[in-house]
Amino acid sequence: MKSLAVPVLAPLVLALLLGGVPHICPVLADVGSQHQTFTVSPDASEIRMTLNTTHEVVNGTFHIQSGSIEFDSSTSAMSGSVVVLAASGKTGNDSRDKKMNKDVLKVDQYANVSFAPKAYTGKIAPSGDSTIQVSGIFTLLGNPHDLTIPMQIHIDGSKATVKAKFVVPYVQWGLKNPSFLIWKAENDVAIDLNLSGQLSN
């Protein structure tokens, strides 16, 4: 069946994201006005996508290429980015993946999908679990889109993990719907982002 799934991006996503999705998320320790950096470990992180269709649920993964988020816990501002390799998408069907890369993601022209956080709301505990809302720019096919992503953060010393689930309206954002004959795909793709990394001053 010649069908094809769309990213997120995720990863982002990235979006995916996330990234937001993109190491798409900021991790903030509540430590006064201390400047900190969250550096994502690509090999310990993943972006998963889910696309519902009339015949099946298409699941896939994307590889996070890099990610670094800078923040100061005394402000709501953030900077940095999480970058996902667009051509890394795998859905378990080589023919579908090739079509996704060529017709939907256009990886020859747009190698990356990224999320650049700009601000957050909420508080981050210096250790344990916290939830924040991260607002930023999700770039897909070279076009920027405003996106706010809820993120769950866990901090344990210098280690941090971030989890986020969000939806990318890929058709609304200019990507091609991969529907083919009687195989129909939805216009939105769900992104599940899991990031692991290190906090440093």
N, C-alpha and C. Protein backbone atom coordinates (compact mmCIF):
# COMPACT_ATOMS: atom_id res chain seq x y z
N MET A 1 0.86 -1.20 0.00
CA MET A 1 0.00 0.00 0.00
C MET A 1 0.88 1.24 0.00
N LYS A 2 0.72 2.06 -0.99
CA LYS A 2 1.55 3.24 -1.08
C LYS A 2 0.90 4.37 -0.30
N SER A 3 1.35 4.53 0.91
CA SER A 3 0.81 5.53 1.78
C SER A 3 1.95 6.23 2.45
N LEU A 4 1.63 7.22 3.20
CA LEU A 4 2.75 7.91 3.78
C LEU A 4 2.34 8.72 4.98
N ALA A 5 3.22 8.75 5.94
CA ALA A 5 2.89 9.46 7.15
C ALA A 5 3.62 10.77 7.19
N VAL A 6 3.13 11.65 8.00
CA VAL A 6 3.74 12.95 8.10
C VAL A 6 4.39 13.11 9.43
N PRO A 7 5.36 13.96 9.55
CA PRO A 7 6.08 14.09 10.76
C PRO A 7 5.35 14.86 11.80
N VAL A 8 6.03 15.07 12.61
CA VAL A 8 5.81 15.98 13.47
C VAL A 8 6.92 16.72 13.51
N LEU A 9 7.77 16.14 14.01
CA LEU A 9 8.73 16.30 14.43
C LEU A 9 9.30 16.39 14.79
N ALA A 10 8.88 15.15 14.57
CA ALA A 10 9.01 14.83 15.05
C ALA A 10 8.76 15.03 14.54
N PRO A 11 9.02 15.63 15.08
CA PRO A 11 9.84 15.74 15.65
C PRO A 11 9.84 15.87 15.16
N LEU A 12 9.25 18.70 15.47
CA LEU A 12 9.26 18.99 16.00
C LEU A 12 9.45 19.03 15.79
N VAL A 13 7.35 17.97 15.38
CA VAL A 13 7.51 18.16 15.84
C VAL A 13 7.76 18.33 15.47
N LEU A 14 8.71 19.36 17.02
CA LEU A 14 9.14 19.36 17.29
C LEU A 14 8.74 19.82 17.28
N ALA A 15 7.72 19.27 18.22
CA ALA A 15 7.72 19.41 17.58
C ALA A 15 7.86 19.68 18.27
N LEU A 16 8.05 19.29 17.36
CA LEU A 16 7.93 19.23 17.37
C LEU A 16 8.52 19.35 17.62
N LEU A 17 8.58 20.30 17.78
CA LEU A 17 8.40 20.52 18.39
C LEU A 17 8.77 20.76 18.59
N LEU A 18 7.08 19.61 18.68
CA LEU A 18 7.69 19.91 19.09
C LEU A 18 8.08 19.93 18.52
N GLY A 19 7.86 20.21 17.80
CA GLY A 19 9.16 20.94 18.46
C GLY A 19 8.99 20.89 17.96
N GLY A 20 8.51 21.96 19.07
CA GLY A 20 8.65 21.78 19.49
C GLY A 20 8.65 21.23 19.57
N VAL A 21 9.84 18.90 17.75
CA VAL A 21 9.27 19.10 18.34
C VAL A 21 10.21 19.40 18.26
N PRO A 22 13.38 18.81 18.26
CA PRO A 22 13.48 19.29 18.79
C PRO A 22 13.17 18.95 19.02
N HIS A 23 15.53 18.80 20.54
CA HIS A 23 15.38 18.86 21.96
C HIS A 23 14.43 19.98 22.29
N ILE A 24 13.24 20.05 22.09
CA ILE A 24 12.23 21.06 22.18
C ILE A 24 11.87 21.47 23.52
N CYS A 25 12.56 21.39 24.55
CA CYS A 25 11.94 21.88 25.73
C CYS A 25 12.96 22.44 26.67
N PRO A 26 12.55 23.39 27.53
CA PRO A 26 13.43 24.02 28.46
C PRO A 26 13.26 23.38 29.81
N VAL A 27 14.35 23.32 30.50
CA VAL A 27 14.25 22.81 31.85
C VAL A 27 14.75 23.89 32.77
N LEU A 28 13.91 24.31 33.72
CA LEU A 28 14.26 25.42 34.56
C LEU A 28 14.35 25.02 36.00
N ALA A 29 15.47 25.21 36.60
CA ALA A 29 15.55 24.97 38.03
C ALA A 29 15.35 26.29 38.72
N ASP A 30 14.58 26.27 39.79
CA ASP A 30 14.26 27.50 40.50
C ASP A 30 15.42 27.85 41.44
N VAL A 31 16.41 28.49 40.89
CA VAL A 31 17.62 28.77 41.67
C VAL A 31 17.97 30.24 41.55
N GLY A 32 17.06 31.08 41.94
CA GLY A 32 17.35 32.51 41.93
C GLY A 32 17.44 33.01 40.51
N SER A 33 18.46 33.83 40.24
CA SER A 33 18.64 34.41 38.91
C SER A 33 19.76 33.71 38.16
N GLN A 34 19.99 32.47 38.48
CA GLN A 34 21.10 31.74 37.89
C GLN A 34 20.83 31.36 36.45
N HIS A 35 21.79 31.68 35.61
CA HIS A 35 21.70 31.30 34.20
C HIS A 35 22.06 29.84 34.07
N GLN A 36 21.23 29.08 33.33
CA GLN A 36 21.49 27.67 33.15
C GLN A 36 21.25 27.24 31.71
N THR A 37 21.79 26.08 31.37
CA THR A 37 21.64 25.52 30.04
C THR A 37 21.19 24.07 30.14
N PHE A 38 20.18 23.72 29.37
CA PHE A 38 19.74 22.33 29.24
C PHE A 38 20.26 21.81 27.91
N THR A 39 21.15 20.82 27.96
CA THR A 39 21.72 20.24 26.75
C THR A 39 21.14 18.85 26.54
N VAL A 40 20.49 18.65 25.42
CA VAL A 40 19.82 17.38 25.14
C VAL A 40 20.84 16.33 24.67
N SER A 41 20.65 15.12 25.12
CA SER A 41 21.45 13.98 24.66
C SER A 41 20.65 13.27 23.56
N PRO A 42 21.02 13.45 22.29
CA PRO A 42 20.22 12.88 21.19
C PRO A 42 20.01 11.37 21.28
N ASP A 43 21.03 10.63 21.66
CA ASP A 43 20.92 9.18 21.69
C ASP A 43 20.00 8.68 22.81
N ALA A 44 19.75 9.53 23.81
CA ALA A 44 18.89 9.15 24.93
C ALA A 44 17.49 9.76 24.80
N SER A 45 17.24 10.42 23.67
CA SER A 45 15.97 11.11 23.46
C SER A 45 15.27 10.56 22.22
N GLU A 46 13.96 10.82 22.11
CA GLU A 46 13.24 10.34 20.94
C GLU A 46 11.99 11.17 20.68
N ILE A 47 11.60 11.18 19.42
CA ILE A 47 10.34 11.80 19.01
C ILE A 47 9.51 10.72 18.31
N ARG A 48 8.28 10.54 18.78
CA ARG A 48 7.38 9.60 18.14
C ARG A 48 6.19 10.35 17.55
N MET A 49 5.72 9.87 16.43
CA MET A 49 4.57 10.49 15.77
C MET A 49 3.48 9.44 15.56
N THR A 50 2.23 9.91 15.56
CA THR A 50 1.09 9.03 15.30
C THR A 50 0.16 9.73 14.32
N LEU A 51 -0.13 9.05 13.22
CA LEU A 51 -1.05 9.59 12.22
C LEU A 51 -2.20 8.60 12.02
N ASN A 52 -3.41 9.05 12.29
CA ASN A 52 -4.58 8.20 12.10
C ASN A 52 -5.04 8.22 10.64
N THR A 53 -5.36 7.05 10.11
CA THR A 53 -5.87 6.94 8.75
C THR A 53 -7.09 6.04 8.75
N THR A 54 -7.74 5.93 7.60
CA THR A 54 -8.94 5.10 7.51
C THR A 54 -8.61 3.61 7.56
N HIS A 55 -7.37 3.22 7.30
CA HIS A 55 -7.01 1.81 7.23
C HIS A 55 -6.07 1.35 8.33
N GLU A 56 -5.38 2.29 8.97
CA GLU A 56 -4.40 1.90 9.98
C GLU A 56 -3.98 3.13 10.78
N VAL A 57 -3.29 2.86 11.87
CA VAL A 57 -2.65 3.93 12.64
C VAL A 57 -1.16 3.86 12.31
N VAL A 58 -0.63 4.92 11.74
CA VAL A 58 0.78 4.95 11.34
C VAL A 58 1.61 5.53 12.49
N ASN A 59 2.54 4.74 12.98
CA ASN A 59 3.46 5.19 14.03
C ASN A 59 4.85 5.34 13.45
N GLY A 60 5.56 6.36 13.91
CA GLY A 60 6.91 6.58 13.41
C GLY A 60 7.80 7.26 14.43
N THR A 61 9.07 7.31 14.10
CA THR A 61 10.05 7.98 14.96
C THR A 61 10.92 8.91 14.12
N PHE A 62 11.46 9.94 14.79
CA PHE A 62 12.43 10.84 14.16
C PHE A 62 13.62 11.02 15.10
N HIS A 63 14.77 11.31 14.52
CA HIS A 63 16.00 11.46 15.29
C HIS A 63 16.27 12.93 15.62
N ILE A 64 16.53 13.18 16.88
CA ILE A 64 16.92 14.53 17.31
C ILE A 64 18.39 14.73 16.98
N GLN A 65 18.68 15.76 16.22
CA GLN A 65 20.04 16.02 15.80
C GLN A 65 20.84 16.77 16.85
N SER A 66 20.23 17.77 17.46
CA SER A 66 20.91 18.57 18.47
C SER A 66 19.88 19.36 19.26
N GLY A 67 20.30 19.88 20.41
CA GLY A 67 19.39 20.69 21.21
C GLY A 67 20.08 21.32 22.40
N SER A 68 19.88 22.61 22.56
CA SER A 68 20.43 23.33 23.70
C SER A 68 19.52 24.51 24.02
N ILE A 69 19.06 24.59 25.27
CA ILE A 69 18.15 25.64 25.70
C ILE A 69 18.78 26.42 26.84
N GLU A 70 18.85 27.73 26.70
CA GLU A 70 19.40 28.59 27.75
C GLU A 70 18.26 29.36 28.43
N PHE A 71 18.39 29.54 29.74
CA PHE A 71 17.35 30.24 30.48
C PHE A 71 17.93 30.83 31.76
N ASP A 72 17.21 31.79 32.30
CA ASP A 72 17.52 32.39 33.59
C ASP A 72 16.25 32.26 34.42
N SER A 73 16.33 31.60 35.55
CA SER A 73 15.13 31.29 36.32
C SER A 73 14.44 32.51 36.92
N SER A 74 15.08 33.69 36.85
CA SER A 74 14.44 34.89 37.37
C SER A 74 13.56 35.57 36.33
N THR A 75 13.58 35.08 35.09
CA THR A 75 12.76 35.66 34.02
C THR A 75 11.97 34.55 33.33
N SER A 76 11.10 34.94 32.42
CA SER A 76 10.33 33.95 31.66
C SER A 76 10.90 33.74 30.27
N ALA A 77 12.05 34.32 30.00
CA ALA A 77 12.63 34.24 28.65
C ALA A 77 13.48 32.99 28.48
N MET A 78 13.53 32.50 27.25
CA MET A 78 14.38 31.37 26.89
C MET A 78 14.99 31.62 25.52
N SER A 79 16.06 30.88 25.23
CA SER A 79 16.66 30.95 23.91
C SER A 79 17.26 29.59 23.59
N GLY A 80 17.63 29.42 22.32
CA GLY A 80 18.19 28.15 21.90
C GLY A 80 17.29 27.46 20.90
N SER A 81 17.51 26.18 20.69
CA SER A 81 16.68 25.44 19.73
C SER A 81 16.86 23.94 19.91
N VAL A 82 15.88 23.22 19.40
CA VAL A 82 15.93 21.77 19.30
C VAL A 82 15.76 21.44 17.82
N VAL A 83 16.68 20.66 17.27
CA VAL A 83 16.70 20.41 15.82
C VAL A 83 16.49 18.93 15.55
N VAL A 84 15.56 18.63 14.64
CA VAL A 84 15.27 17.26 14.24
C VAL A 84 15.67 17.07 12.78
N LEU A 85 16.31 15.94 12.49
CA LEU A 85 16.71 15.62 11.12
C LEU A 85 15.48 15.13 10.36
N ALA A 86 15.03 15.91 9.39
CA ALA A 86 13.77 15.61 8.70
C ALA A 86 13.80 14.24 8.00
N ALA A 87 14.93 13.87 7.43
CA ALA A 87 15.02 12.63 6.67
C ALA A 87 15.15 11.39 7.55
N SER A 88 15.15 11.56 8.86
CA SER A 88 15.35 10.43 9.77
C SER A 88 14.06 9.68 10.09
N GLY A 89 12.92 10.13 9.55
CA GLY A 89 11.64 9.51 9.87
C GLY A 89 11.54 8.06 9.43
N LYS A 90 11.09 7.21 10.35
CA LYS A 90 10.90 5.79 10.08
C LYS A 90 9.51 5.37 10.53
N THR A 91 8.74 4.78 9.61
CA THR A 91 7.39 4.33 9.94
C THR A 91 7.21 2.83 9.75
N GLY A 92 8.29 2.11 9.45
CA GLY A 92 8.18 0.68 9.24
C GLY A 92 7.80 0.29 7.82
N ASN A 93 7.79 1.26 6.90
CA ASN A 93 7.46 1.00 5.51
C ASN A 93 8.38 1.86 4.65
N ASP A 94 9.37 1.24 4.01
CA ASP A 94 10.38 1.99 3.26
C ASP A 94 9.78 2.81 2.14
N SER A 95 8.81 2.25 1.43
CA SER A 95 8.18 2.97 0.33
C SER A 95 7.45 4.21 0.83
N ARG A 96 6.75 4.06 1.93
CA ARG A 96 6.03 5.19 2.52
C ARG A 96 7.01 6.26 3.01
N ASP A 97 8.11 5.82 3.62
CA ASP A 97 9.09 6.77 4.13
C ASP A 97 9.73 7.58 3.01
N LYS A 98 10.03 6.91 1.90
CA LYS A 98 10.63 7.62 0.76
C LYS A 98 9.67 8.67 0.21
N LYS A 99 8.39 8.29 0.15
CA LYS A 99 7.39 9.24 -0.35
C LYS A 99 7.20 10.40 0.63
N MET A 100 7.24 10.09 1.91
CA MET A 100 7.13 11.14 2.93
C MET A 100 8.27 12.14 2.80
N ASN A 101 9.48 11.61 2.64
CA ASN A 101 10.64 12.49 2.52
C ASN A 101 10.58 13.37 1.28
N LYS A 102 10.13 12.77 0.17
CA LYS A 102 10.12 13.51 -1.09
C LYS A 102 8.94 14.46 -1.22
N ASP A 103 7.73 13.96 -0.95
CA ASP A 103 6.53 14.73 -1.25
C ASP A 103 6.00 15.58 -0.10
N VAL A 104 6.22 15.12 1.13
CA VAL A 104 5.65 15.82 2.28
C VAL A 104 6.69 16.71 2.96
N LEU A 105 7.80 16.11 3.36
CA LEU A 105 8.82 16.87 4.09
C LEU A 105 9.81 17.59 3.18
N LYS A 106 9.89 17.16 1.92
CA LYS A 106 10.79 17.80 0.95
C LYS A 106 12.19 17.96 1.52
N VAL A 107 12.77 16.83 1.95
CA VAL A 107 14.03 16.87 2.69
C VAL A 107 15.20 17.38 1.86
N ASP A 108 15.12 17.30 0.53
CA ASP A 108 16.19 17.83 -0.30
C ASP A 108 16.30 19.35 -0.18
N GLN A 109 15.18 19.99 0.12
CA GLN A 109 15.16 21.45 0.28
C GLN A 109 15.22 21.87 1.75
N TYR A 110 14.62 21.06 2.62
CA TYR A 110 14.50 21.43 4.04
C TYR A 110 15.01 20.26 4.89
N ALA A 111 16.27 20.33 5.26
CA ALA A 111 16.92 19.21 5.95
C ALA A 111 16.46 19.05 7.39
N ASN A 112 16.02 20.16 8.02
CA ASN A 112 15.72 20.13 9.44
C ASN A 112 14.32 20.63 9.75
N VAL A 113 13.81 20.15 10.87
CA VAL A 113 12.61 20.69 11.52
C VAL A 113 13.08 21.16 12.89
N SER A 114 12.64 22.34 13.33
CA SER A 114 13.18 22.85 14.59
C SER A 114 12.12 23.54 15.44
N PHE A 115 12.43 23.61 16.73
CA PHE A 115 11.61 24.38 17.66
C PHE A 115 12.53 25.29 18.46
N ALA A 116 12.22 26.58 18.47
CA ALA A 116 13.02 27.56 19.20
C ALA A 116 12.16 28.18 20.29
N PRO A 117 12.33 27.77 21.55
CA PRO A 117 11.52 28.33 22.65
C PRO A 117 11.88 29.79 22.90
N LYS A 118 10.86 30.57 23.22
CA LYS A 118 11.06 32.00 23.48
C LYS A 118 10.67 32.40 24.89
N ALA A 119 9.70 31.70 25.49
CA ALA A 119 9.22 32.05 26.83
C ALA A 119 8.50 30.87 27.44
N TYR A 120 8.29 30.93 28.76
CA TYR A 120 7.55 29.87 29.45
C TYR A 120 6.70 30.48 30.55
N THR A 121 5.68 29.73 30.96
CA THR A 121 4.89 30.09 32.12
C THR A 121 4.89 28.91 33.07
N GLY A 122 4.81 29.19 34.35
CA GLY A 122 4.87 28.15 35.36
C GLY A 122 6.20 28.18 36.08
N LYS A 123 6.35 27.32 37.07
CA LYS A 123 7.57 27.25 37.87
C LYS A 123 8.19 25.88 37.78
N ILE A 124 9.52 25.91 37.85
CA ILE A 124 10.26 24.65 37.86
C ILE A 124 10.87 24.44 39.23
N ALA A 125 10.53 23.32 39.83
CA ALA A 125 11.13 22.99 41.12
C ALA A 125 12.61 22.63 40.92
N PRO A 126 13.45 22.93 41.91
CA PRO A 126 14.88 22.61 41.78
C PRO A 126 15.15 21.12 41.68
N SER A 127 14.18 20.30 42.11
CA SER A 127 14.29 18.85 41.94
C SER A 127 12.90 18.25 41.89
N GLY A 128 12.80 17.07 41.31
CA GLY A 128 11.50 16.42 41.21
C GLY A 128 10.74 16.85 39.97
N ASP A 129 9.40 16.80 40.04
CA ASP A 129 8.56 17.01 38.87
C ASP A 129 7.96 18.41 38.82
N SER A 130 7.84 18.95 37.62
CA SER A 130 7.21 20.24 37.38
C SER A 130 6.52 20.22 36.02
N THR A 131 5.56 21.13 35.85
CA THR A 131 4.88 21.29 34.55
C THR A 131 4.91 22.75 34.15
N ILE A 132 5.31 23.02 32.91
CA ILE A 132 5.33 24.39 32.40
C ILE A 132 4.72 24.42 31.00
N GLN A 133 4.39 25.62 30.54
CA GLN A 133 3.93 25.84 29.18
C GLN A 133 5.04 26.61 28.45
N VAL A 134 5.51 26.06 27.35
CA VAL A 134 6.61 26.66 26.61
C VAL A 134 6.11 27.20 25.27
N SER A 135 6.34 28.48 25.03
CA SER A 135 5.94 29.11 23.77
C SER A 135 7.17 29.38 22.92
N GLY A 136 7.03 29.13 21.63
CA GLY A 136 8.17 29.36 20.76
C GLY A 136 7.79 29.26 19.30
N ILE A 137 8.81 29.09 18.46
CA ILE A 137 8.63 29.04 17.02
C ILE A 137 8.97 27.65 16.50
N PHE A 138 7.99 27.01 15.87
CA PHE A 138 8.17 25.70 15.25
C PHE A 138 8.36 25.93 13.76
N THR A 139 9.52 25.54 13.23
CA THR A 139 9.82 25.79 11.82
C THR A 139 9.72 24.50 11.03
N LEU A 140 8.85 24.52 10.02
CA LEU A 140 8.56 23.34 9.19
C LEU A 140 8.53 23.79 7.74
N LEU A 141 9.27 23.10 6.87
CA LEU A 141 9.43 23.51 5.47
C LEU A 141 9.91 24.96 5.37
N GLY A 142 10.73 25.36 6.32
CA GLY A 142 11.30 26.70 6.30
C GLY A 142 10.37 27.79 6.77
N ASN A 143 9.14 27.45 7.13
CA ASN A 143 8.16 28.45 7.56
C ASN A 143 7.97 28.41 9.07
N PRO A 144 8.01 29.58 9.73
CA PRO A 144 7.85 29.63 11.19
C PRO A 144 6.38 29.64 11.61
N HIS A 145 6.10 28.92 12.72
CA HIS A 145 4.73 28.88 13.25
C HIS A 145 4.79 29.01 14.77
N ASP A 146 3.93 29.86 15.32
CA ASP A 146 3.84 29.99 16.77
C ASP A 146 3.24 28.72 17.36
N LEU A 147 3.83 28.24 18.45
CA LEU A 147 3.33 27.02 19.08
C LEU A 147 3.62 27.06 20.57
N THR A 148 2.62 26.68 21.38
CA THR A 148 2.80 26.55 22.82
C THR A 148 2.63 25.09 23.20
N ILE A 149 3.62 24.56 23.92
CA ILE A 149 3.66 23.14 24.23
C ILE A 149 3.70 22.92 25.74
N PRO A 150 2.78 22.15 26.30
CA PRO A 150 2.87 21.79 27.72
C PRO A 150 3.97 20.75 27.91
N MET A 151 4.82 20.96 28.90
CA MET A 151 5.95 20.07 29.12
C MET A 151 6.04 19.64 30.57
N GLN A 152 6.30 18.35 30.77
CA GLN A 152 6.49 17.79 32.10
C GLN A 152 8.00 17.56 32.29
N ILE A 153 8.52 18.11 33.35
CA ILE A 153 9.96 18.10 33.58
C ILE A 153 10.29 17.35 34.86
N HIS A 154 11.35 16.59 34.82
CA HIS A 154 11.85 15.93 36.02
C HIS A 154 13.34 16.25 36.15
N ILE A 155 13.72 16.77 37.32
CA ILE A 155 15.11 17.13 37.58
C ILE A 155 15.65 16.30 38.73
N ASP A 156 16.82 15.73 38.48
CA ASP A 156 17.50 14.93 39.50
C ASP A 156 18.98 15.31 39.46
N GLY A 157 19.35 16.28 40.29
CA GLY A 157 20.72 16.79 40.27
C GLY A 157 21.00 17.51 38.96
N SER A 158 22.02 17.07 38.24
CA SER A 158 22.36 17.70 36.96
C SER A 158 21.66 17.02 35.79
N LYS A 159 20.87 15.98 36.07
CA LYS A 159 20.16 15.28 35.01
C LYS A 159 18.73 15.79 34.91
N ALA A 160 18.21 15.85 33.68
CA ALA A 160 16.84 16.31 33.48
C ALA A 160 16.19 15.54 32.34
N THR A 161 14.90 15.31 32.48
CA THR A 161 14.11 14.71 31.41
C THR A 161 12.90 15.59 31.14
N VAL A 162 12.46 15.59 29.91
CA VAL A 162 11.31 16.39 29.50
C VAL A 162 10.38 15.53 28.66
N LYS A 163 9.09 15.60 28.95
CA LYS A 163 8.10 14.89 28.18
C LYS A 163 7.03 15.87 27.71
N ALA A 164 6.56 15.68 26.48
CA ALA A 164 5.54 16.56 25.94
C ALA A 164 4.72 15.83 24.90
N LYS A 165 3.41 16.11 24.88
CA LYS A 165 2.53 15.59 23.85
C LYS A 165 1.77 16.76 23.25
N PHE A 166 1.79 16.85 21.93
CA PHE A 166 1.12 17.97 21.26
C PHE A 166 0.75 17.55 19.84
N VAL A 167 -0.01 18.40 19.18
CA VAL A 167 -0.50 18.10 17.83
C VAL A 167 0.04 19.13 16.85
N VAL A 168 0.51 18.66 15.71
CA VAL A 168 0.96 19.54 14.63
C VAL A 168 -0.06 19.51 13.50
N PRO A 169 -0.69 20.65 13.18
CA PRO A 169 -1.66 20.71 12.08
C PRO A 169 -0.93 20.84 10.74
N TYR A 170 -0.33 19.76 10.29
CA TYR A 170 0.62 19.83 9.18
C TYR A 170 0.00 20.32 7.87
N VAL A 171 -1.25 19.97 7.61
CA VAL A 171 -1.90 20.43 6.38
C VAL A 171 -2.15 21.93 6.46
N GLN A 172 -2.62 22.40 7.61
CA GLN A 172 -2.84 23.83 7.80
C GLN A 172 -1.54 24.60 7.64
N TRP A 173 -0.43 23.96 7.99
CA TRP A 173 0.88 24.60 7.89
C TRP A 173 1.54 24.42 6.54
N GLY A 174 0.82 23.90 5.57
CA GLY A 174 1.32 23.88 4.20
C GLY A 174 1.90 22.58 3.70
N LEU A 175 1.84 21.50 4.50
CA LEU A 175 2.35 20.21 4.04
C LEU A 175 1.25 19.45 3.31
N LYS A 176 1.68 18.54 2.45
CA LYS A 176 0.74 17.75 1.67
C LYS A 176 0.15 16.61 2.49
N ASN A 177 -1.17 16.44 2.40
CA ASN A 177 -1.80 15.28 3.02
C ASN A 177 -1.45 14.05 2.18
N PRO A 178 -0.98 12.96 2.81
CA PRO A 178 -0.54 11.78 2.07
C PRO A 178 -1.66 10.84 1.62
N SER A 179 -2.90 11.27 1.72
CA SER A 179 -4.01 10.39 1.33
C SER A 179 -3.83 9.89 -0.10
N PHE A 180 -4.23 8.62 -0.32
CA PHE A 180 -4.05 8.00 -1.63
C PHE A 180 -5.24 7.09 -1.92
N LEU A 181 -5.99 7.41 -2.97
CA LEU A 181 -7.18 6.65 -3.33
C LEU A 181 -8.11 6.50 -2.12
N ILE A 182 -8.38 5.26 -1.67
CA ILE A 182 -9.30 5.08 -0.55
C ILE A 182 -8.59 5.16 0.81
N TRP A 183 -7.28 5.30 0.80
CA TRP A 183 -6.49 5.43 2.04
C TRP A 183 -6.45 6.91 2.41
N LYS A 184 -7.16 7.27 3.46
CA LYS A 184 -7.29 8.68 3.83
C LYS A 184 -6.61 8.94 5.17
N ALA A 185 -5.82 9.99 5.22
CA ALA A 185 -5.11 10.37 6.45
C ALA A 185 -5.71 11.63 7.04
N GLU A 186 -5.63 11.75 8.37
CA GLU A 186 -6.09 12.96 9.03
C GLU A 186 -5.14 14.12 8.73
N ASN A 187 -5.62 15.33 8.98
CA ASN A 187 -4.83 16.53 8.67
C ASN A 187 -3.91 16.96 9.81
N ASP A 188 -3.99 16.26 10.94
CA ASP A 188 -3.13 16.58 12.09
C ASP A 188 -2.33 15.34 12.46
N VAL A 189 -1.13 15.56 12.98
CA VAL A 189 -0.30 14.45 13.43
C VAL A 189 0.06 14.68 14.90
N ALA A 190 -0.03 13.61 15.69
CA ALA A 190 0.25 13.70 17.13
C ALA A 190 1.74 13.43 17.37
N ILE A 191 2.33 14.23 18.24
CA ILE A 191 3.74 14.11 18.55
C ILE A 191 3.92 13.77 20.03
N ASP A 192 4.80 12.82 20.28
CA ASP A 192 5.15 12.40 21.65
C ASP A 192 6.66 12.59 21.80
N LEU A 193 7.03 13.57 22.61
CA LEU A 193 8.43 13.97 22.75
C LEU A 193 9.00 13.52 24.09
N ASN A 194 10.15 12.88 24.05
CA ASN A 194 10.85 12.48 25.26
C ASN A 194 12.32 12.89 25.14
N LEU A 195 12.73 13.80 26.01
CA LEU A 195 14.09 14.32 25.97
C LEU A 195 14.83 13.99 27.27
N SER A 196 16.10 13.68 27.13
CA SER A 196 16.97 13.49 28.28
C SER A 196 18.23 14.32 28.06
N GLY A 197 18.76 14.87 29.15
CA GLY A 197 19.95 15.68 28.99
C GLY A 197 20.53 16.14 30.30
N GLN A 198 21.42 17.13 30.20
CA GLN A 198 22.16 17.62 31.36
C GLN A 198 21.89 19.10 31.58
N LEU A 199 21.82 19.49 32.86
CA LEU A 199 21.73 20.89 33.25
C LEU A 199 23.12 21.38 33.66
N SER A 200 23.47 22.58 33.21
CA SER A 200 24.76 23.15 33.60
C SER A 200 24.61 24.65 33.81
N ASN A 201 25.53 25.22 34.61
CA ASN A 201 25.49 26.66 34.87
C ASN A 201 26.32 27.41 33.84
